[in-house]
Amino acid sequence: MTLFHDEFWTPIVLSIKVAAISVTIVFFLGILLGRLFARKQFKGKILLETFLLLPIVLPPTVIGFLLIYLFGINSPFGIILEEVFAHPIIFTPTAAVIASTVVAFPLMYQTVKIGFQAVDRGIEEAARVDGAGEIKVFLYITLPLSIKSIFAGLILSFARALGEFGATFMFAGNIPGKTQTAPTAIYIAMESGNMNLAWFLVATMVFISFFFLLLTTITQK
């Protein structure tokens, strides 16, 4: 087998695409909700924040089950989506993106929130006193001072989305060339006894994961 074989490259490329789209989504959601929960106090905040962090501790199969229940063809929401997209989203690349986004979001959210909480409020207040509005304070003060946390959140959530298996396997399935990501391809390769392919995929995933973790460590220095 060569490294240019479709069985190797297709799952790797799909995993990177799915992770990239997922990270784009969690980037905006993480910053929005991270900023809200870092500064605001409101009734039910603890319960809502606990709910947002649940994917960290829930088994991937539980997440996959819940996604099937929420977005499946027999659910009210699934029926609406089927009307919008003209087909069910379960067992599609969109399903893989949703599953990866759900499991990656808590890492982005928690990392960014901690970064926002670490920003000196005195600096923000000084900017407000000088006439800066909330948007300008956020864009020119809060974000730049939180850039390390934001970058770390992006890397960690990308790595998490890249390696997602359980929820993706249940919700998106394992359709070669369509929804088969690298983690599911490794599982199938082992099941079928194709250990050469499995080792190539494992080595690639280890290299990518190591690279991103190393990048996170370097950027936090």
Protein backbone atom coordinates (compact mmCIF):
# COMPACT_ATOMS: atom_id res chain seq x y z
CA MET A 1 0.00 0.00 0.00
CA THR A 2 1.23 3.50 -0.78
CA LEU A 3 0.49 6.67 1.09
CA PHE A 4 -1.44 7.90 -1.93
CA HIS A 5 -4.06 5.20 -1.65
CA ASP A 6 -7.65 6.49 -1.31
CA GLU A 7 -8.18 4.34 1.78
CA PHE A 8 -5.55 6.43 3.53
CA TRP A 9 -5.97 9.94 2.17
CA THR A 10 -9.76 10.19 1.96
CA PRO A 11 -10.44 9.69 5.71
CA ILE A 12 -7.54 11.97 6.66
CA VAL A 13 -8.70 14.79 4.37
CA LEU A 14 -12.32 14.42 5.53
CA SER A 15 -11.25 14.50 9.18
CA ILE A 16 -9.30 17.72 8.61
CA LYS A 17 -12.22 19.31 6.74
CA VAL A 18 -14.72 18.31 9.43
CA ALA A 19 -12.42 19.56 12.20
CA ALA A 20 -11.80 22.86 10.39
CA ILE A 21 -15.52 23.55 9.97
CA SER A 22 -16.23 22.52 13.55
CA VAL A 23 -13.51 24.79 14.89
CA THR A 24 -14.86 27.71 12.88
CA ILE A 25 -18.24 27.20 14.54
CA VAL A 26 -16.90 26.74 18.07
CA PHE A 27 -14.61 29.76 17.62
CA PHE A 28 -17.56 32.13 17.34
CA LEU A 29 -19.78 30.28 19.82
CA GLY A 30 -16.94 29.90 22.30
CA ILE A 31 -16.02 33.59 22.23
CA LEU A 32 -19.66 34.70 22.43
CA LEU A 33 -20.64 32.45 25.32
CA GLY A 34 -17.22 32.62 26.97
CA ARG A 35 -17.49 36.39 27.16
CA LEU A 36 -21.06 36.20 28.45
CA PHE A 37 -20.33 33.70 31.22
CA ALA A 38 -17.03 35.35 32.18
CA ARG A 39 -18.65 38.67 33.03
CA LYS A 40 -22.39 38.22 33.57
CA GLN A 41 -24.19 36.88 36.60
CA PHE A 42 -27.74 35.63 36.16
CA LYS A 43 -30.15 33.11 37.60
CA GLY A 44 -29.48 29.57 36.46
CA LYS A 45 -25.96 30.38 35.23
CA ILE A 46 -24.37 27.42 37.02
CA LEU A 47 -26.88 24.93 35.60
CA LEU A 48 -26.57 26.30 32.07
CA GLU A 49 -22.78 26.32 32.20
CA THR A 50 -22.77 22.74 33.50
CA PHE A 51 -24.96 21.75 30.56
CA LEU A 52 -22.52 23.38 28.11
CA LEU A 53 -19.63 21.42 29.62
CA LEU A 54 -21.44 18.06 29.68
CA PRO A 55 -19.81 16.74 26.45
CA ILE A 56 -16.47 16.67 28.28
CA VAL A 57 -17.65 13.95 30.66
CA LEU A 58 -20.43 12.23 28.71
CA PRO A 59 -19.49 9.00 26.89
CA PRO A 60 -19.33 9.61 23.12
CA THR A 61 -21.99 6.95 22.58
CA VAL A 62 -24.38 8.92 24.78
CA ILE A 63 -23.70 12.05 22.73
CA GLY A 64 -24.25 10.09 19.53
CA PHE A 65 -27.51 8.67 20.87
CA LEU A 66 -28.78 12.14 21.83
CA LEU A 67 -27.82 13.58 18.44
CA ILE A 68 -29.71 10.80 16.68
CA TYR A 69 -32.71 11.51 18.90
CA LEU A 70 -32.57 15.26 18.24
CA PHE A 71 -31.72 15.22 14.53
CA GLY A 72 -33.05 11.83 13.41
CA ILE A 73 -35.69 11.48 10.73
CA ASN A 74 -38.41 10.82 13.32
CA SER A 75 -37.69 13.86 15.48
CA PRO A 76 -39.52 17.18 14.97
CA PHE A 77 -36.24 19.01 14.42
CA GLY A 78 -35.01 16.31 12.07
CA ILE A 79 -38.17 16.61 9.98
CA ILE A 80 -37.66 20.38 9.67
CA LEU A 81 -34.03 19.91 8.62
CA GLU A 82 -35.04 17.29 6.09
CA GLU A 83 -37.43 19.81 4.54
CA VAL A 84 -34.70 22.47 4.45
CA PHE A 85 -31.92 20.28 3.05
CA ALA A 86 -34.21 17.98 1.02
CA HIS A 87 -32.65 14.95 2.76
CA PRO A 88 -31.95 13.73 6.32
CA ILE A 89 -28.68 15.00 7.80
CA ILE A 90 -27.99 11.75 9.66
CA PHE A 91 -25.23 9.69 7.97
CA THR A 92 -23.92 12.73 6.08
CA PRO A 93 -20.79 14.88 6.41
CA THR A 94 -22.99 17.50 8.09
CA ALA A 95 -23.70 15.00 10.84
CA ALA A 96 -19.95 14.50 11.32
CA VAL A 97 -19.52 18.27 11.66
CA ILE A 98 -22.32 18.50 14.23
CA ALA A 99 -20.89 15.63 16.30
CA SER A 100 -17.38 17.12 16.22
CA THR A 101 -18.67 20.56 17.09
CA VAL A 102 -20.55 19.27 20.13
CA VAL A 103 -17.53 17.47 21.59
CA ALA A 104 -15.05 20.26 20.73
CA PHE A 105 -17.09 23.20 21.99
CA PRO A 106 -16.47 22.76 25.75
CA LEU A 107 -12.69 22.97 25.27
CA MET A 108 -12.95 26.20 23.32
CA TYR A 109 -15.52 27.68 25.67
CA GLN A 110 -13.71 26.86 28.91
CA THR A 111 -10.29 27.99 27.66
CA VAL A 112 -11.61 31.27 26.27
CA LYS A 113 -13.71 31.99 29.35
CA ILE A 114 -10.69 31.59 31.61
CA GLY A 115 -8.77 33.94 29.32
CA PHE A 116 -11.49 36.58 29.51
CA GLN A 117 -11.67 36.28 33.30
CA ALA A 118 -7.92 36.88 33.52
CA VAL A 119 -8.16 40.25 31.76
CA ASP A 120 -7.67 43.14 34.18
CA ARG A 121 -11.05 44.83 34.50
CA GLY A 122 -9.29 48.06 35.40
CA ILE A 123 -7.89 48.28 31.89
CA GLU A 124 -11.35 47.75 30.41
CA GLU A 125 -12.85 50.37 32.72
CA ALA A 126 -10.13 52.85 31.78
CA ALA A 127 -11.04 52.40 28.11
CA ARG A 128 -14.71 53.01 28.91
CA VAL A 129 -13.84 56.16 30.84
CA ASP A 130 -11.97 57.38 27.76
CA GLY A 131 -15.17 57.00 25.75
CA ALA A 132 -14.82 53.55 24.22
CA GLY A 133 -18.05 51.61 23.77
CA GLU A 134 -18.48 47.97 24.74
CA ILE A 135 -17.72 46.70 21.24
CA LYS A 136 -14.48 48.70 21.02
CA VAL A 137 -13.45 47.61 24.52
CA PHE A 138 -14.00 44.00 23.53
CA LEU A 139 -12.25 44.23 20.15
CA TYR A 140 -9.29 46.39 21.16
CA ILE A 141 -8.75 45.47 24.81
CA THR A 142 -10.32 42.15 25.80
CA LEU A 143 -9.58 40.11 22.69
CA PRO A 144 -5.90 41.13 22.31
CA LEU A 145 -5.25 40.44 26.00
CA SER A 146 -6.90 37.03 25.68
CA ILE A 147 -5.23 35.99 22.43
CA LYS A 148 -3.13 33.21 23.99
CA SER A 149 -6.19 31.59 25.52
CA ILE A 150 -8.14 31.93 22.28
CA PHE A 151 -5.31 30.36 20.30
CA ALA A 152 -4.98 27.52 22.81
CA GLY A 153 -8.72 26.93 22.64
CA LEU A 154 -8.62 26.75 18.85
CA ILE A 155 -5.80 24.21 18.83
CA LEU A 156 -7.30 22.00 21.54
CA SER A 157 -10.79 22.04 20.02
CA PHE A 158 -9.36 21.28 16.56
CA ALA A 159 -7.43 18.30 17.94
CA ARG A 160 -10.54 17.09 19.78
CA ALA A 161 -12.72 17.41 16.68
CA LEU A 162 -10.08 15.67 14.58
CA GLY A 163 -10.01 12.66 16.89
CA GLU A 164 -13.74 12.32 17.53
CA PHE A 165 -14.93 8.74 17.05
CA GLY A 166 -17.89 7.54 19.11
CA ALA A 167 -20.49 10.22 18.46
CA THR A 168 -19.42 10.56 14.83
CA PHE A 169 -19.57 6.80 14.26
CA MET A 170 -23.12 6.64 15.62
CA PHE A 171 -24.50 9.83 14.09
CA ALA A 172 -22.61 10.11 10.80
CA GLY A 173 -21.92 6.44 10.23
CA ASN A 174 -18.98 4.96 8.40
CA ILE A 175 -19.54 5.43 4.68
CA PRO A 176 -16.19 5.27 2.81
CA GLY A 177 -15.57 8.43 0.82
CA LYS A 178 -18.50 10.22 2.46
CA THR A 179 -18.54 10.06 6.27
CA GLN A 180 -15.59 7.80 7.11
CA THR A 181 -13.17 9.88 9.16
CA ALA A 182 -9.68 8.79 10.22
CA PRO A 183 -10.73 7.41 13.66
CA THR A 184 -13.50 5.29 12.14
CA ALA A 185 -11.18 4.20 9.33
CA ILE A 186 -8.70 2.96 11.95
CA TYR A 187 -11.42 0.95 13.66
CA ILE A 188 -12.58 -0.63 10.39
CA ALA A 189 -9.00 -1.34 9.27
CA MET A 190 -8.34 -3.23 12.51
CA GLU A 191 -11.63 -5.10 12.28
CA SER A 192 -10.82 -6.21 8.74
CA GLY A 193 -7.23 -7.14 9.59
CA ASN A 194 -5.67 -4.42 7.41
CA MET A 195 -2.97 -3.57 9.93
CA ASN A 196 -0.73 -1.71 7.46
CA LEU A 197 -3.49 0.81 6.78
CA ALA A 198 -4.32 1.00 10.48
CA TRP A 199 -0.71 1.76 11.39
CA PHE A 200 -0.37 4.43 8.69
CA LEU A 201 -3.54 6.13 9.95
CA VAL A 202 -2.55 5.81 13.61
CA ALA A 203 0.94 7.22 12.96
CA THR A 204 -0.56 10.15 11.05
CA MET A 205 -3.07 10.95 13.78
CA VAL A 206 -0.39 10.72 16.48
CA PHE A 207 1.85 13.07 14.49
CA ILE A 208 -0.92 15.61 13.92
CA SER A 209 -2.08 15.48 17.55
CA PHE A 210 1.49 15.78 18.86
CA PHE A 211 2.14 18.74 16.57
CA PHE A 212 -0.92 20.65 17.78
CA LEU A 213 -0.24 19.93 21.45
CA LEU A 214 3.36 21.04 20.99
CA LEU A 215 2.12 24.21 19.28
CA THR A 216 -0.18 24.88 22.24
CA THR A 217 2.69 24.49 24.70
CA ILE A 218 4.98 26.77 22.70
CA THR A 219 2.41 29.53 22.30
CA GLN A 220 1.71 29.58 26.04
CA LYS A 221 5.33 30.32 26.91
